[in-house]
C-alpha atoms as a PDB file:
ATOM      1  CA  MET A   1      17.060  63.760 -18.007  1.00  0.00           C
ATOM      2  CA  ALA A   2      19.231  60.694 -18.096  1.00  0.00           C
ATOM      3  CA  LYS A   3      18.508  57.873 -15.672  1.00  0.00           C
ATOM      4  CA  VAL A   4      21.243  56.684 -13.343  1.00  0.00           C
ATOM      5  CA  GLU A   5      21.178  53.102 -12.038  1.00  0.00           C
ATOM      6  CA  TYR A   6      22.215  52.364  -8.449  1.00  0.00           C
ATOM      7  CA  ASN A   7      25.640  51.006  -9.519  1.00  0.00           C
ATOM      8  CA  GLN A   8      26.396  54.114 -11.632  1.00  0.00           C
ATOM      9  CA  VAL A   9      26.162  56.441  -8.605  1.00  0.00           C
ATOM     10  CA  LEU A  10      29.900  56.882  -8.055  1.00  0.00           C
ATOM     11  CA  ALA A  11      32.110  59.512  -6.382  1.00  0.00           C
ATOM     12  CA  LYS A  12      32.138  62.998  -7.999  1.00  0.00           C
ATOM     13  CA  LYS A  13      28.895  62.366  -9.907  1.00  0.00           C
ATOM     14  CA  THR A  14      25.943  64.728  -9.541  1.00  0.00           C
ATOM     15  CA  VAL A  15      22.476  63.220  -9.281  1.00  0.00           C
ATOM     16  CA  GLU A  16      18.973  64.535  -8.613  1.00  0.00           C
ATOM     17  CA  MET A  17      16.960  63.158  -5.724  1.00  0.00           C
ATOM     18  CA  ASN A  18      13.702  64.601  -4.358  1.00  0.00           C
ATOM     19  CA  GLY A  19      14.092  67.651  -6.608  1.00  0.00           C
ATOM     20  CA  ASP A  20      17.524  68.616  -5.235  1.00  0.00           C
ATOM     21  CA  PRO A  21      20.960  68.157  -6.809  1.00  0.00           C
ATOM     22  CA  TYR A  22      23.450  66.020  -4.871  1.00  0.00           C
ATOM     23  CA  LEU A  23      27.197  65.594  -5.280  1.00  0.00           C
ATOM     24  CA  VAL A  24      28.297  62.037  -4.508  1.00  0.00           C
ATOM     25  CA  LEU A  25      31.232  62.129  -2.079  1.00  0.00           C
ATOM     26  CA  SER A  26      31.835  58.379  -1.812  1.00  0.00           C
ATOM     27  CA  SER A  27      30.235  55.099  -2.823  1.00  0.00           C
ATOM     28  CA  ASP A  28      30.665  51.479  -1.750  1.00  0.00           C
ATOM     29  CA  ILE A  29      29.057  48.745  -3.836  1.00  0.00           C
ATOM     30  CA  ALA A  30      28.700  45.506  -1.877  1.00  0.00           C
ATOM     31  CA  LYS A  31      27.064  42.106  -2.294  1.00  0.00           C
ATOM     32  CA  LYS A  32      26.640  40.013   0.841  1.00  0.00           C
ATOM     33  CA  ASP A  33      26.135  36.260   0.484  1.00  0.00           C
ATOM     34  CA  ARG A  34      22.622  35.698  -0.863  1.00  0.00           C
ATOM     35  CA  GLN A  35      21.458  39.295  -0.626  1.00  0.00           C
ATOM     36  CA  LYS A  36      21.130  41.514  -3.646  1.00  0.00           C
ATOM     37  CA  ALA A  37      23.865  44.056  -4.338  1.00  0.00           C
ATOM     38  CA  SER A  38      23.584  47.520  -2.799  1.00  0.00           C
ATOM     39  CA  ASN A  39      25.461  50.798  -3.035  1.00  0.00           C
ATOM     40  CA  THR A  40      26.053  52.815   0.141  1.00  0.00           C
ATOM     41  CA  VAL A  41      26.696  56.440  -0.825  1.00  0.00           C
ATOM     42  CA  ARG A  42      27.550  59.660   0.997  1.00  0.00           C
ATOM     43  CA  MET A  43      26.064  62.645  -0.817  1.00  0.00           C
ATOM     44  CA  LYS A  44      26.116  66.400  -0.284  1.00  0.00           C
ATOM     45  CA  ASN A  45      22.973  68.367  -1.054  1.00  0.00           C
ATOM     46  CA  LEU A  46      24.147  71.263  -3.248  1.00  0.00           C
ATOM     47  CA  ARG A  47      21.149  73.391  -2.248  1.00  0.00           C
ATOM     48  CA  THR A  48      21.436  73.030   1.552  1.00  0.00           C
ATOM     49  CA  GLY A  49      24.990  71.746   2.056  1.00  0.00           C
ATOM     50  CA  GLN A  50      23.703  68.833   4.164  1.00  0.00           C
ATOM     51  CA  VAL A  51      25.644  65.547   3.872  1.00  0.00           C
ATOM     52  CA  ILE A  52      23.561  62.365   3.974  1.00  0.00           C
ATOM     53  CA  GLU A  53      24.275  58.649   3.764  1.00  0.00           C
ATOM     54  CA  LYS A  54      21.895  56.480   1.758  1.00  0.00           C
ATOM     55  CA  THR A  55      21.818  52.850   0.688  1.00  0.00           C
ATOM     56  CA  LEU A  56      20.701  52.363  -2.910  1.00  0.00           C
ATOM     57  CA  HIS A  57      19.354  49.023  -4.164  1.00  0.00           C
ATOM     58  CA  GLN A  58      18.894  47.564  -7.654  1.00  0.00           C
ATOM     59  CA  SER A  59      15.366  48.942  -7.858  1.00  0.00           C
ATOM     60  CA  ASP A  60      16.499  52.527  -7.154  1.00  0.00           C
ATOM     61  CA  VAL A  61      16.881  54.785 -10.182  1.00  0.00           C
ATOM     62  CA  LEU A  62      18.004  58.417  -9.870  1.00  0.00           C
ATOM     63  CA  GLN A  63      18.213  61.214 -12.425  1.00  0.00           C
ATOM     64  CA  ASP A  64      21.381  62.851 -13.703  1.00  0.00           C
ATOM     65  CA  ALA A  65      21.729  66.429 -12.403  1.00  0.00           C
ATOM     66  CA  PHE A  66      23.317  68.738 -14.926  1.00  0.00           C
ATOM     67  CA  ILE A  67      25.441  71.195 -12.988  1.00  0.00           C
ATOM     68  CA  THR A  68      27.185  74.111 -14.667  1.00  0.00           C
ATOM     69  CA  LYS A  69      30.032  76.147 -13.260  1.00  0.00           C
ATOM     70  CA  ARG A  70      30.940  79.705 -14.097  1.00  0.00           C
ATOM     71  CA  GLU A  71      33.463  82.167 -12.803  1.00  0.00           C
ATOM     72  CA  VAL A  72      32.193  85.198 -10.863  1.00  0.00           C
ATOM     73  CA  LYS A  73      33.959  87.960  -8.968  1.00  0.00           C
ATOM     74  CA  TYR A  74      33.324  88.299  -5.221  1.00  0.00           C
ATOM     75  CA  LEU A  75      32.942  92.016  -4.492  1.00  0.00           C
ATOM     76  CA  TYR A  76      31.992  92.490  -0.833  1.00  0.00           C
ATOM     77  CA  ALA A  77      29.656  91.502   2.006  1.00  0.00           C
ATOM     78  CA  ASN A  78      27.140  93.880   3.586  1.00  0.00           C
ATOM     79  CA  ARG A  79      24.465  93.063   6.197  1.00  0.00           C
ATOM     80  CA  GLY A  80      24.278  89.371   5.397  1.00  0.00           C
ATOM     81  CA  GLU A  81      24.235  89.874   1.621  1.00  0.00           C
ATOM     82  CA  PHE A  82      27.195  88.895  -0.509  1.00  0.00           C
ATOM     83  CA  TRP A  83      27.673  90.834  -3.740  1.00  0.00           C
ATOM     84  CA  PHE A  84      29.135  89.396  -6.926  1.00  0.00           C
ATOM     85  CA  CYS A  85      29.519  90.479 -10.552  1.00  0.00           C
ATOM     86  CA  GLU A  86      30.504  89.030 -13.888  1.00  0.00           C
ATOM     87  CA  PRO A  87      34.346  89.004 -14.172  1.00  0.00           C
ATOM     88  CA  ASN A  88      34.441  91.278 -17.236  1.00  0.00           C
ATOM     89  CA  ASN A  89      31.328  93.337 -16.535  1.00  0.00           C
ATOM     90  CA  PRO A  90      31.142  94.991 -13.089  1.00  0.00           C
ATOM     91  CA  LYS A  91      27.736  96.510 -13.974  1.00  0.00           C
ATOM     92  CA  GLU A  92      26.146  93.026 -13.913  1.00  0.00           C
ATOM     93  CA  ARG A  93      25.932  92.789 -10.101  1.00  0.00           C
ATOM     94  CA  PHE A  94      23.880  90.369  -8.053  1.00  0.00           C
ATOM     95  CA  SER A  95      23.641  89.405  -4.405  1.00  0.00           C
ATOM     96  CA  LEU A  96      23.338  86.027  -2.723  1.00  0.00           C
ATOM     97  CA  PRO A  97      22.221  85.187   0.827  1.00  0.00           C
ATOM     98  CA  ALA A  98      24.627  83.746   3.417  1.00  0.00           C
ATOM     99  CA  ASP A  99      23.132  80.221   3.246  1.00  0.00           C
ATOM    100  CA  VAL A 100      24.068  79.960  -0.464  1.00  0.00           C
ATOM    101  CA  VAL A 101      27.525  81.495  -0.096  1.00  0.00           C
ATOM    102  CA  GLY A 102      28.718  79.641   3.019  1.00  0.00           C
ATOM    103  CA  ASP A 103      31.895  80.824   4.719  1.00  0.00           C
ATOM    104  CA  ILE A 104      33.397  82.633   1.721  1.00  0.00           C
ATOM    105  CA  SER A 105      34.150  85.813   3.689  1.00  0.00           C
ATOM    106  CA  LYS A 106      36.524  83.890   5.982  1.00  0.00           C
ATOM    107  CA  TYR A 107      38.854  82.755   3.214  1.00  0.00           C
ATOM    108  CA  VAL A 108      38.312  84.859   0.089  1.00  0.00           C
ATOM    109  CA  LYS A 109      39.480  88.464  -0.314  1.00  0.00           C
ATOM    110  CA  GLU A 110      37.256  91.058  -1.922  1.00  0.00           C
ATOM    111  CA  ASN A 111      37.596  91.340  -5.720  1.00  0.00           C
ATOM    112  CA  SER A 112      38.678  87.680  -6.032  1.00  0.00           C
ATOM    113  CA  LEU A 113      37.410  85.239  -8.637  1.00  0.00           C
ATOM    114  CA  VAL A 114      35.391  82.251  -7.375  1.00  0.00           C
ATOM    115  CA  GLU A 115      33.297  79.521  -8.995  1.00  0.00           C
ATOM    116  CA  ALA A 116      29.486  79.633  -8.932  1.00  0.00           C
ATOM    117  CA  ILE A 117      27.720  76.263  -9.151  1.00  0.00           C
ATOM    118  CA  GLU A 118      24.409  76.507 -11.049  1.00  0.00           C
ATOM    119  CA  TYR A 119      21.536  74.087 -11.319  1.00  0.00           C
ATOM    120  CA  GLN A 120      18.555  74.887 -13.565  1.00  0.00           C
ATOM    121  CA  ASP A 121      19.834  78.490 -14.024  1.00  0.00           C
ATOM    122  CA  THR A 122      19.929  79.115 -10.248  1.00  0.00           C
ATOM    123  CA  ILE A 123      23.157  79.544  -8.288  1.00  0.00           C
ATOM    124  CA  MET A 124      23.168  76.760  -5.694  1.00  0.00           C
ATOM    125  CA  SER A 125      26.499  77.497  -4.028  1.00  0.00           C
ATOM    126  CA  ILE A 126      29.846  79.206  -4.329  1.00  0.00           C
ATOM    127  CA  SER A 127      32.925  77.015  -4.522  1.00  0.00           C
ATOM    128  CA  THR A 128      36.089  78.324  -2.885  1.00  0.00           C
ATOM    129  CA  PRO A 129      39.520  76.928  -3.741  1.00  0.00           C
ATOM    130  CA  ILE A 130      40.664  74.108  -1.431  1.00  0.00           C
ATOM    131  CA  LYS A 131      43.739  76.121  -0.446  1.00  0.00           C
ATOM    132  CA  VAL A 132      43.996  79.903  -0.247  1.00  0.00           C
ATOM    133  CA  GLU A 133      46.927  82.167   0.526  1.00  0.00           C
ATOM    134  CA  LEU A 134      46.239  85.016   2.949  1.00  0.00           C
ATOM    135  CA  LYS A 135      48.356  87.569   4.776  1.00  0.00           C
ATOM    136  CA  VAL A 136      48.533  87.482   8.581  1.00  0.00           C
ATOM    137  CA  LYS A 137      47.308  90.837   9.890  1.00  0.00           C
ATOM    138  CA  GLU A 138      47.910  90.287  13.618  1.00  0.00           C
ATOM    139  CA  ALA A 139      49.956  87.668  15.479  1.00  0.00           C
ATOM    140  CA  PRO A 140      51.085  87.701  19.109  1.00  0.00           C
ATOM    141  CA  ASP A 141      54.792  87.157  19.836  1.00  0.00           C
ATOM    142  CA  ALA A 142      55.967  83.607  20.440  1.00  0.00           C
ATOM    143  CA  VAL A 143      56.600  82.657  24.068  1.00  0.00           C
ATOM    144  CA  LYS A 144      60.257  81.736  24.554  1.00  0.00           C
ATOM    145  CA  GLY A 145      60.745  78.036  25.275  1.00  0.00           C
ATOM    146  CA  ASN A 146      57.322  77.068  23.928  1.00  0.00           C
ATOM    147  CA  THR A 147      58.192  76.796  20.235  1.00  0.00           C
ATOM    148  CA  SER A 148      59.574  73.252  19.963  1.00  0.00           C
ATOM    149  CA  SER A 149      56.513  71.308  21.141  1.00  0.00           C
ATOM    150  CA  GLY A 150      54.243  72.140  18.203  1.00  0.00           C
ATOM    151  CA  ALA A 151      52.432  74.863  20.123  1.00  0.00           C
ATOM    152  CA  THR A 152      50.040  77.155  18.286  1.00  0.00           C
ATOM    153  CA  LYS A 153      48.734  80.676  18.678  1.00  0.00           C
ATOM    154  CA  GLU A 154      45.688  82.502  17.392  1.00  0.00           C
ATOM    155  CA  VAL A 155      46.374  84.823  14.449  1.00  0.00           C
ATOM    156  CA  VAL A 156      44.117  87.232  12.540  1.00  0.00           C
ATOM    157  CA  LEU A 157      44.031  86.991   8.740  1.00  0.00           C
ATOM    158  CA  GLU A 158      43.558  89.899   6.340  1.00  0.00           C
ATOM    159  CA  THR A 159      39.909  88.857   5.936  1.00  0.00           C
ATOM    160  CA  GLY A 160      39.389  89.276   9.699  1.00  0.00           C
ATOM    161  CA  HIS A 161      39.052  85.539  10.346  1.00  0.00           C
ATOM    162  CA  HIS A 162      40.900  83.996  13.335  1.00  0.00           C
ATOM    163  CA  ILE A 163      42.776  80.692  12.994  1.00  0.00           C
ATOM    164  CA  PHE A 164      45.441  78.818  14.950  1.00  0.00           C
ATOM    165  CA  ALA A 165      48.927  78.774  13.428  1.00  0.00           C
ATOM    166  CA  PRO A 166      52.382  77.643  14.626  1.00  0.00           C
ATOM    167  CA  MET A 167      54.340  79.919  16.961  1.00  0.00           C
ATOM    168  CA  PHE A 168      56.839  80.938  14.243  1.00  0.00           C
ATOM    169  CA  ILE A 169      54.136  82.750  12.198  1.00  0.00           C
ATOM    170  CA  ASN A 170      54.387  86.552  12.472  1.00  0.00           C
ATOM    171  CA  ALA A 171      52.317  89.516  11.269  1.00  0.00           C
ATOM    172  CA  GLY A 172      52.966  90.116   7.577  1.00  0.00           C
ATOM    173  CA  ASP A 173      53.631  86.454   6.732  1.00  0.00           C
ATOM    174  CA  ILE A 174      51.610  84.918   3.909  1.00  0.00           C
ATOM    175  CA  ILE A 175      50.201  81.524   4.873  1.00  0.00           C
ATOM    176  CA  SER A 176      48.193  78.822   3.131  1.00  0.00           C
ATOM    177  CA  ILE A 177      44.888  77.694   4.679  1.00  0.00           C
ATOM    178  CA  ASN A 178      42.844  74.599   3.840  1.00  0.00           C
ATOM    179  CA  THR A 179      39.284  75.945   3.356  1.00  0.00           C
ATOM    180  CA  GLU A 180      37.639  72.549   3.885  1.00  0.00           C
ATOM    181  CA  SER A 181      39.103  72.058   7.374  1.00  0.00           C
ATOM    182  CA  GLY A 182      39.790  75.716   8.216  1.00  0.00           C
ATOM    183  CA  LEU A 183      43.294  74.794   9.375  1.00  0.00           C
ATOM    184  CA  TYR A 184      46.747  76.277   8.752  1.00  0.00           C
ATOM    185  CA  SER A 185      48.586  74.417   5.980  1.00  0.00           C
ATOM    186  CA  GLU A 186      51.987  76.072   5.449  1.00  0.00           C
ATOM    187  CA  ARG A 187      53.897  79.347   5.378  1.00  0.00           C
ATOM    188  CA  ILE A 188      54.259  80.627   1.823  1.00  0.00           C
ATOM    189  CA  GLU A 189      56.256  83.828   2.388  1.00  0.00           C
ATOM    190  CA  LYS A 190      58.036  85.216   5.420  1.00  0.00           C
ATOM    191  CA  ALA A 191      57.604  88.914   6.232  1.00  0.00           C
END
């Protein structure tokens, strides 16, 4: 594996530390007066999903983590197991536990294509698109006189997940949701 010096650990790079792959979210290289330079990084553990902050110094050397991505089809969830298959071969099915998959069932419809992130031939996590478009299954009526102040209401998506959306959203509308924040983004199509 290739060695990575402290000043090469930059955003969007994947490195190995303590046997786990990490995705670098941000880095800040600083040199204060007479002190040696350091790199303060925020990293996400691709195995556990935990985000940590670490200060790297000139003596720190990490390893490059070679991550591969491949497209898989999300089939369904059953009793805490999430089933997937190869996009062109539905006979090649496999299941993954909830801790690897994350909150995919909230934002991804069954039979949708998603990206599997692999490290050393093991699927570490499933990557969902940053924005998804879903149909609103249930939405209460807007209360008259309460629509101009930016009020929200709870709506149910076609996946069964509940989110807060503006009062003008109705059942049958297709809306865009940011999967990182879990918040309403915009209305795509009016019913």
